[in-house]
Amino acid sequence: MNDTVTAPGKRPTAGQLALAEALARGETRPAGGITTVPASVYTDPEHFAHEKAALFDRLPQVLMPSALIPDPGMAVPHDLTGKPLLVTRDKEGMVHVFLNVCRHRGTRLVEGNEAECVARLVCPYHAWTYRLDGALLALPRPDSFPGLDKGDFHLVELPSCEAGGLIWYSPRDEADFTLARSLGEDMDAFGAPDHFLFRRKTHSVAGNWKLIMDAFLESYHVTRLHAKTIGPFFKDGVTSGDMIGPHARSAVGRVDELDGIDLTDMAALRRRVTFAYQLLPATVIIPSPDYINVMALWPQAQDHTLVEDFMLIPEPPANDKARDHWERSWALLDGGVFASEDFRAAELGQQGLSTGAVPELTLGTLEGGIRRFHETVSEALRAAN
């Protein structure tokens, strides 16, 4: 049920290059007028329940970067979707996403949430044993199950796709990963499939999941909210963007000019432009000049979201100096920019909106990405009815 796609590359895709060329020409997102978003979409429990059913229980979404289980013979439980999942990479290198449930008596098959190297999966209750491709390998006292066909007891597998260093899954049997493969081409251009997982952390944010997404859909806040961290590295409101189906892609101009550089040189381009991806329903990918952050959002309630942040670096640290460099980068983004600024702003926004003082959010011309995202969510909700 897995579809694996790999295509290493170090040049920008046509779409990435088009956004960079727009910035070089001084073009930005088309300016519209003032728009609004109802505050109730962030605070209404019934609206949240509709989103959960129509988006998170229905659409393909990113579970994790491939770097979490990079080698054959690895497995990692994943519980943040609300269902116990188990992601494995079998001995042939293929990724599988299973329900983390033994087919004998329904026991959770693997405990914890850390990735491990394993030869097989053994249920802790009665030691039914499975291969990493989900097939039932053996069971104690097979004579006590006369006529049992092991082929009928394969682990329950969900559709999945590995593309561009990301592992996607679908909560439903009907799954179309065409757009995942298209986005995988962009991730290949950043070299993501070859990256090493340096750090991983789950944040508990007392805010609606869309308030977190909103922070990565506009550049209006960058030089203000992030004035003491990354704000000085960026130009105010200089951005271009487009859509890949329901997924948003943007390019934000840094203070270094684009004049005189080869825009087809991805390394040079990343030093001057920061790309960002906001994938429906709730994944954010930020490729910085020399590393990549993948953030998967898992809504728990209308005012509570878990955010799993992964930091991917080009190769394992070779020495203490390199490790210190990456530690400082991790502390800057995960602990500073994301946790202390973006996530905190979402929490403060949730507190304010919950009072009813602001019946609708007012969006200016630098916040058009938020309006488009909410329109995309609304379209998905209507399609699910």
Protein backbone atom coordinates (compact mmCIF):
# COMPACT_ATOMS: atom_id res chain seq x y z
CA MET A 1 0.00 0.00 0.00
CA ASN A 2 3.10 2.19 -0.04
CA ASP A 3 4.29 4.32 -2.95
CA THR A 4 7.95 5.40 -2.68
CA VAL A 5 9.34 8.30 -4.71
CA THR A 6 12.91 9.55 -4.68
CA ALA A 7 14.65 11.95 -7.05
CA PRO A 8 17.62 13.78 -5.55
CA GLY A 9 18.27 17.26 -6.83
CA LYS A 10 20.10 20.46 -5.90
CA ARG A 11 18.43 22.86 -8.32
CA PRO A 12 15.12 24.60 -7.67
CA THR A 13 12.00 23.24 -9.30
CA ALA A 14 10.22 25.31 -11.91
CA GLY A 15 7.72 26.47 -9.29
CA GLN A 16 10.39 27.47 -6.78
CA LEU A 17 12.33 29.30 -9.47
CA ALA A 18 9.22 31.20 -10.58
CA LEU A 19 8.66 32.52 -7.05
CA ALA A 20 12.32 33.55 -6.73
CA GLU A 21 12.21 35.30 -10.11
CA ALA A 22 9.08 37.18 -9.02
CA LEU A 23 10.94 38.44 -5.95
CA ALA A 24 13.93 39.42 -8.09
CA ARG A 25 11.62 41.46 -10.33
CA GLY A 26 10.13 43.17 -7.30
CA GLU A 27 6.80 41.41 -7.69
CA THR A 28 4.92 40.22 -4.62
CA ARG A 29 1.56 38.63 -3.91
CA PRO A 30 -1.31 40.52 -5.58
CA ALA A 31 -2.65 43.16 -3.21
CA GLY A 32 -6.37 42.98 -2.48
CA GLY A 33 -8.54 44.82 -0.04
CA ILE A 34 -9.29 44.19 3.60
CA THR A 35 -10.89 40.80 4.27
CA THR A 36 -12.22 39.08 7.38
CA VAL A 37 -12.38 35.64 8.99
CA PRO A 38 -15.08 34.76 11.56
CA ALA A 39 -13.66 34.29 15.05
CA SER A 40 -15.99 31.32 15.53
CA VAL A 41 -13.85 29.12 13.28
CA TYR A 42 -11.22 29.23 16.03
CA THR A 43 -13.50 28.92 19.07
CA ASP A 44 -16.61 26.89 18.18
CA PRO A 45 -16.39 23.23 19.34
CA GLU A 46 -18.92 22.12 16.71
CA HIS A 47 -16.92 23.74 13.92
CA PHE A 48 -13.80 22.03 15.25
CA ALA A 49 -15.56 18.64 15.24
CA HIS A 50 -16.54 19.22 11.61
CA GLU A 51 -12.93 20.05 10.71
CA LYS A 52 -11.63 16.99 12.52
CA ALA A 53 -13.98 14.67 10.63
CA ALA A 54 -13.66 16.33 7.22
CA LEU A 55 -9.93 17.06 7.23
CA PHE A 56 -7.90 15.07 9.73
CA ASP A 57 -9.99 11.89 9.53
CA ARG A 58 -10.22 12.02 5.74
CA LEU A 59 -7.33 13.71 3.90
CA PRO A 60 -3.79 12.42 3.22
CA GLN A 61 -1.33 14.16 5.52
CA VAL A 62 2.33 14.15 6.55
CA LEU A 63 3.10 11.93 9.54
CA MET A 64 6.84 12.50 9.84
CA PRO A 65 10.06 12.98 7.89
CA SER A 66 11.67 9.85 6.49
CA ALA A 67 14.73 10.66 8.61
CA LEU A 68 12.92 9.43 11.72
CA ILE A 69 13.23 5.85 10.41
CA PRO A 70 16.05 6.14 7.85
CA ASP A 71 17.20 2.52 7.69
CA PRO A 72 15.61 -0.84 6.89
CA GLY A 73 14.54 -2.69 10.03
CA MET A 74 13.13 0.27 11.95
CA ALA A 75 9.76 1.02 13.55
CA VAL A 76 8.19 3.92 15.45
CA PRO A 77 4.75 4.22 17.11
CA HIS A 78 2.74 7.35 16.35
CA ASP A 79 -0.23 8.33 18.53
CA LEU A 80 -0.82 12.01 17.73
CA THR A 81 -3.57 11.40 15.15
CA GLY A 82 -5.86 10.04 17.87
CA LYS A 83 -5.39 6.48 16.64
CA PRO A 84 -2.48 4.20 17.57
CA LEU A 85 -0.33 3.95 14.45
CA LEU A 86 2.90 2.07 13.82
CA VAL A 87 5.27 3.15 11.05
CA THR A 88 7.86 0.64 9.87
CA ARG A 89 10.57 0.37 7.25
CA ASP A 90 10.87 -3.26 6.22
CA LYS A 91 14.04 -5.07 5.25
CA GLU A 92 13.54 -4.01 1.62
CA GLY A 93 13.41 -0.35 2.68
CA MET A 94 9.67 0.09 2.07
CA VAL A 95 7.65 2.19 4.52
CA HIS A 96 4.37 0.90 5.95
CA VAL A 97 1.78 2.52 8.21
CA PHE A 98 -0.22 0.10 10.34
CA LEU A 99 -2.71 0.32 13.12
CA ASN A 100 -0.58 -0.50 16.17
CA VAL A 101 -2.88 -3.37 17.09
CA CYS A 102 -2.18 -7.09 17.35
CA ARG A 103 -4.65 -9.11 15.27
CA HIS A 104 -5.06 -11.70 18.03
CA ARG A 105 -6.71 -9.89 20.94
CA GLY A 106 -6.32 -6.24 19.98
CA THR A 107 -3.37 -5.48 22.26
CA ARG A 108 -1.16 -2.51 21.45
CA LEU A 109 1.73 -4.09 19.62
CA VAL A 110 4.58 -1.63 20.28
CA GLU A 111 4.76 0.78 23.22
CA GLY A 112 6.43 4.18 23.54
CA ASN A 113 7.03 6.79 20.84
CA GLU A 114 10.70 6.40 19.97
CA ALA A 115 12.12 4.94 16.76
CA GLU A 116 13.90 1.61 17.25
CA CYS A 117 15.81 -0.92 15.21
CA VAL A 118 13.85 -4.15 15.29
CA ALA A 119 14.00 -7.46 13.43
CA ARG A 120 10.32 -8.23 14.00
CA LEU A 121 7.27 -7.07 15.95
CA VAL A 122 6.32 -9.18 18.96
CA CYS A 123 3.07 -8.65 20.85
CA PRO A 124 3.80 -8.30 24.60
CA TYR A 125 0.66 -10.28 25.55
CA HIS A 126 0.87 -13.63 23.76
CA ALA A 127 4.00 -13.13 21.60
CA TRP A 128 2.30 -13.24 18.25
CA THR A 129 5.11 -12.18 15.94
CA TYR A 130 4.93 -10.11 12.75
CA ARG A 131 7.38 -9.12 10.06
CA LEU A 132 7.95 -5.41 9.44
CA ASP A 133 5.81 -5.69 6.30
CA GLY A 134 2.89 -6.64 8.56
CA ALA A 135 2.71 -10.36 7.79
CA LEU A 136 2.04 -12.73 10.72
CA LEU A 137 5.26 -14.72 11.05
CA ALA A 138 4.64 -17.01 14.00
CA LEU A 139 2.54 -17.61 17.11
CA PRO A 140 3.12 -19.77 20.21
CA ARG A 141 1.23 -23.07 20.39
CA PRO A 142 -0.14 -22.97 16.85
CA ASP A 143 -1.80 -26.31 17.61
CA SER A 144 -4.27 -24.41 19.81
CA PHE A 145 -5.54 -22.53 16.74
CA PRO A 146 -6.54 -25.43 14.45
CA GLY A 147 -7.12 -24.35 10.88
CA LEU A 148 -5.84 -20.79 11.39
CA ASP A 149 -4.46 -19.27 8.17
CA LYS A 150 -1.68 -16.82 9.06
CA GLY A 151 -2.35 -15.02 5.79
CA ASP A 152 -5.67 -13.83 7.23
CA PHE A 153 -3.98 -12.05 10.15
CA HIS A 154 -1.85 -9.42 8.45
CA LEU A 155 -1.61 -6.18 10.44
CA VAL A 156 -4.19 -3.61 9.34
CA GLU A 157 -2.33 -1.35 6.92
CA LEU A 158 -3.29 2.19 5.90
CA PRO A 159 -2.37 3.78 2.57
CA SER A 160 0.98 5.57 2.67
CA CYS A 161 3.44 7.32 0.41
CA GLU A 162 7.07 8.29 0.86
CA ALA A 163 8.12 11.21 -1.32
CA GLY A 164 10.80 13.86 -0.97
CA GLY A 165 11.89 12.70 2.47
CA LEU A 166 8.35 12.86 3.90
CA ILE A 167 6.09 10.00 4.99
CA TRP A 168 2.42 10.60 4.21
CA TYR A 169 -0.54 8.48 5.22
CA SER A 170 -4.25 8.44 4.55
CA PRO A 171 -6.78 7.68 7.32
CA ARG A 172 -9.11 6.31 4.64
CA ASP A 173 -8.68 3.55 2.08
CA GLU A 174 -9.35 6.03 -0.73
CA ALA A 175 -6.07 7.88 -1.12
CA ASP A 176 -4.63 10.03 -3.89
CA PHE A 177 -0.96 10.88 -3.31
CA THR A 178 -0.46 12.71 -6.60
CA LEU A 179 0.11 16.05 -4.86
CA ALA A 180 2.40 14.41 -2.30
CA ARG A 181 4.62 13.35 -5.19
CA SER A 182 4.53 16.85 -6.67
CA LEU A 183 5.56 18.35 -3.34
CA GLY A 184 8.20 15.64 -3.09
CA GLU A 185 9.94 17.16 -6.10
CA ASP A 186 10.28 20.43 -4.18
CA MET A 187 11.65 18.60 -1.14
CA ASP A 188 14.10 16.72 -3.36
CA ALA A 189 15.40 20.11 -4.54
CA PHE A 190 16.30 20.90 -0.92
CA GLY A 191 18.01 17.51 -0.57
CA ALA A 192 15.52 16.52 2.16
CA PRO A 193 15.60 12.74 1.47
CA ASP A 194 19.30 12.67 2.40
CA HIS A 195 18.99 14.74 5.58
CA PHE A 196 19.68 13.57 9.13
CA LEU A 197 17.21 14.02 11.99
CA PHE A 198 18.97 16.19 14.57
CA ARG A 199 16.15 16.99 16.99
CA ARG A 200 12.47 16.19 17.52
CA LYS A 201 10.10 17.75 20.04
CA THR A 202 6.34 17.83 20.64
CA HIS A 203 4.86 21.13 21.85
CA SER A 204 1.49 21.45 23.57
CA VAL A 205 -0.09 24.73 22.43
CA ALA A 206 -3.24 26.14 24.06
CA GLY A 207 -4.54 27.49 20.79
CA ASN A 208 -6.55 26.52 17.73
CA TRP A 209 -4.57 24.76 15.03
CA LYS A 210 -5.44 27.41 12.45
CA LEU A 211 -3.98 30.19 14.60
CA ILE A 212 -0.67 28.33 14.37
CA MET A 213 -1.00 27.84 10.61
CA ASP A 214 -1.88 31.53 10.21
CA ALA A 215 1.53 32.57 11.54
CA PHE A 216 3.21 30.84 8.59
CA LEU A 217 0.81 32.21 5.98
CA GLU A 218 1.77 35.89 6.18
CA SER A 219 4.93 37.97 6.47
CA TYR A 220 3.28 40.98 8.15
CA HIS A 221 4.40 39.80 11.59
CA VAL A 222 7.96 38.72 10.76
CA THR A 223 9.88 41.94 11.48
CA ARG A 224 7.63 42.71 14.47
CA LEU A 225 6.89 39.53 16.43
CA HIS A 226 10.38 38.22 15.60
CA ALA A 227 12.19 41.54 16.08
CA LYS A 228 14.66 40.03 18.57
CA THR A 229 15.25 36.74 16.73
CA ILE A 230 14.96 36.31 12.95
CA GLY A 231 13.16 39.56 12.04
CA PRO A 232 16.34 41.49 11.15
CA PHE A 233 17.18 38.89 8.48
CA PHE A 234 14.05 39.62 6.40
CA LYS A 235 12.61 42.44 4.35
CA ASP A 236 9.26 43.69 5.56
CA GLY A 237 6.41 42.12 3.61
CA VAL A 238 8.46 41.08 0.57
CA THR A 239 6.96 37.74 -0.44
CA SER A 240 5.56 35.80 -3.37
CA GLY A 241 3.49 32.66 -3.37
CA ASP A 242 1.37 30.14 -5.23
CA MET A 243 -0.67 26.99 -4.67
CA ILE A 244 0.00 23.32 -5.37
CA GLY A 245 -3.56 22.07 -5.29
CA PRO A 246 -4.78 22.93 -1.76
CA HIS A 247 -1.21 23.36 -0.48
CA ALA A 248 0.42 26.80 -0.22
CA ARG A 249 4.01 27.59 -1.18
CA SER A 250 5.63 30.93 -0.48
CA ALA A 251 9.00 32.65 -0.80
CA VAL A 252 9.99 35.43 1.60
CA GLY A 253 12.79 37.86 0.72
CA ARG A 254 15.75 38.12 3.06
CA VAL A 255 17.78 41.30 3.45
CA ASP A 256 20.49 40.12 1.04
CA GLU A 257 19.72 41.23 -2.51
CA LEU A 258 19.00 38.75 -5.31
CA ASP A 259 20.89 40.82 -7.89
CA GLY A 260 23.85 39.04 -9.43
CA ILE A 261 23.21 35.52 -8.14
CA ASP A 262 22.36 32.43 -10.14
CA LEU A 263 18.78 31.69 -9.10
CA THR A 264 19.15 28.11 -10.32
CA ASP A 265 21.81 27.51 -7.63
CA MET A 266 19.68 26.26 -4.73
CA ALA A 267 22.37 26.82 -2.08
CA ALA A 268 22.83 30.46 -3.12
CA LEU A 269 19.08 30.93 -3.43
CA ARG A 270 18.39 29.65 0.08
CA ARG A 271 20.77 32.21 1.55
CA ARG A 272 18.61 34.99 0.11
CA VAL A 273 15.09 33.53 0.02
CA THR A 274 13.26 31.49 2.65
CA PHE A 275 10.66 29.17 1.21
CA ALA A 276 7.73 27.97 3.32
CA TYR A 277 5.13 25.30 2.72
CA GLN A 278 1.73 25.11 4.39
CA LEU A 279 0.24 21.72 3.56
CA LEU A 280 -3.44 20.96 4.04
CA PRO A 281 -4.57 20.03 6.56
CA ALA A 282 -1.81 21.07 8.97
CA THR A 283 1.86 20.64 8.12
CA VAL A 284 4.41 23.46 7.92
CA ILE A 285 7.82 23.06 6.28
CA ILE A 286 10.47 25.78 6.62
CA PRO A 287 13.77 25.23 4.77
CA SER A 288 16.30 27.60 6.34
CA PRO A 289 19.62 28.30 4.57
CA ASP A 290 21.26 25.12 5.88
CA TYR A 291 18.57 22.99 7.58
CA ILE A 292 14.87 22.13 7.36
CA ASN A 293 12.12 22.22 9.96
CA VAL A 294 9.06 20.01 9.48
CA MET A 295 6.16 20.76 11.82
CA ALA A 296 3.16 18.45 11.94
CA LEU A 297 0.12 19.86 13.75
CA TRP A 298 -2.31 17.50 15.48
CA PRO A 299 -5.45 19.26 16.82
CA GLN A 300 -6.81 17.87 20.08
CA ALA A 301 -9.64 20.38 20.70
CA GLN A 302 -10.69 23.77 19.39
CA ASP A 303 -8.23 25.36 21.84
CA HIS A 304 -5.49 22.72 22.05
CA THR A 305 -2.96 21.60 19.44
CA LEU A 306 0.06 19.31 19.59
CA VAL A 307 2.90 20.37 17.29
CA GLU A 308 5.69 17.92 16.53
CA ASP A 309 8.77 19.78 15.29
CA PHE A 310 11.55 17.93 13.46
CA MET A 311 14.88 19.55 12.60
CA LEU A 312 16.68 17.98 9.63
CA ILE A 313 20.33 18.76 8.87
CA PRO A 314 22.43 17.77 5.84
CA GLU A 315 24.56 15.21 7.68
CA PRO A 316 25.26 14.00 11.23
CA PRO A 317 27.46 16.42 13.22
CA ALA A 318 31.09 15.47 12.64
CA ASN A 319 32.43 17.05 15.84
CA ASP A 320 31.54 19.15 18.90
CA LYS A 321 31.83 22.41 16.94
CA ALA A 322 29.31 21.22 14.38
CA ARG A 323 27.01 19.88 17.10
CA ASP A 324 27.14 23.23 18.91
CA HIS A 325 26.21 25.02 15.68
CA TRP A 326 23.13 22.87 15.20
CA GLU A 327 22.16 23.11 18.87
CA ARG A 328 22.15 26.90 18.61
CA SER A 329 20.08 26.73 15.42
CA TRP A 330 17.61 24.39 17.11
CA ALA A 331 17.35 26.64 20.16
CA LEU A 332 16.79 29.69 17.95
CA LEU A 333 13.91 28.29 15.91
CA ASP A 334 12.24 25.61 18.02
CA GLY A 335 12.62 27.24 21.40
CA GLY A 336 12.75 30.89 20.38
CA VAL A 337 10.93 31.67 17.14
CA PHE A 338 8.37 28.87 17.24
CA ALA A 339 7.67 28.19 20.92
CA SER A 340 8.24 31.60 22.49
CA GLU A 341 6.91 33.71 19.62
CA ASP A 342 4.65 31.96 17.07
CA PHE A 343 3.04 29.42 19.41
CA ARG A 344 2.76 31.97 22.22
CA ALA A 345 1.06 34.41 19.83
CA ALA A 346 -1.44 31.65 18.96
CA GLU A 347 -2.16 31.11 22.65
CA LEU A 348 -2.66 34.83 23.26
CA GLY A 349 -4.91 35.01 20.22
CA GLN A 350 -6.99 32.10 21.50
CA GLN A 351 -7.40 33.82 24.85
CA GLY A 352 -8.57 37.02 23.21
CA LEU A 353 -10.92 35.45 20.67
CA SER A 354 -12.53 33.30 23.34
CA THR A 355 -13.84 36.46 25.05
CA GLY A 356 -16.02 37.32 22.06
CA ALA A 357 -14.57 40.84 21.95
CA VAL A 358 -13.48 40.35 18.32
CA PRO A 359 -16.31 38.78 16.25
CA GLU A 360 -14.12 38.57 13.17
CA LEU A 361 -10.43 38.88 12.35
CA THR A 362 -9.48 41.76 10.06
CA LEU A 363 -6.84 40.90 7.47
CA GLY A 364 -4.77 43.40 5.51
CA THR A 365 -3.15 43.05 2.12
CA LEU A 366 -0.04 41.39 3.60
CA GLU A 367 -2.22 38.67 5.13
CA GLY A 368 -3.88 37.34 2.01
CA GLY A 369 -2.38 33.90 2.56
CA ILE A 370 -4.57 33.48 5.64
CA ARG A 371 -7.69 34.32 3.65
CA ARG A 372 -6.75 31.79 0.95
CA PHE A 373 -6.05 29.11 3.53
CA HIS A 374 -9.44 29.58 5.17
CA GLU A 375 -11.11 29.45 1.77
CA THR A 376 -9.27 26.18 1.08
CA VAL A 377 -10.40 24.74 4.41
CA SER A 378 -13.99 25.81 3.70
CA GLU A 379 -13.86 24.10 0.29
CA ALA A 380 -12.64 20.88 1.90
CA LEU A 381 -15.42 21.04 4.50
CA ARG A 382 -18.03 21.45 1.77
CA ALA A 383 -16.55 18.58 -0.26
CA ALA A 384 -16.85 16.27 2.75
CA ASN A 385 -20.58 16.92 3.20
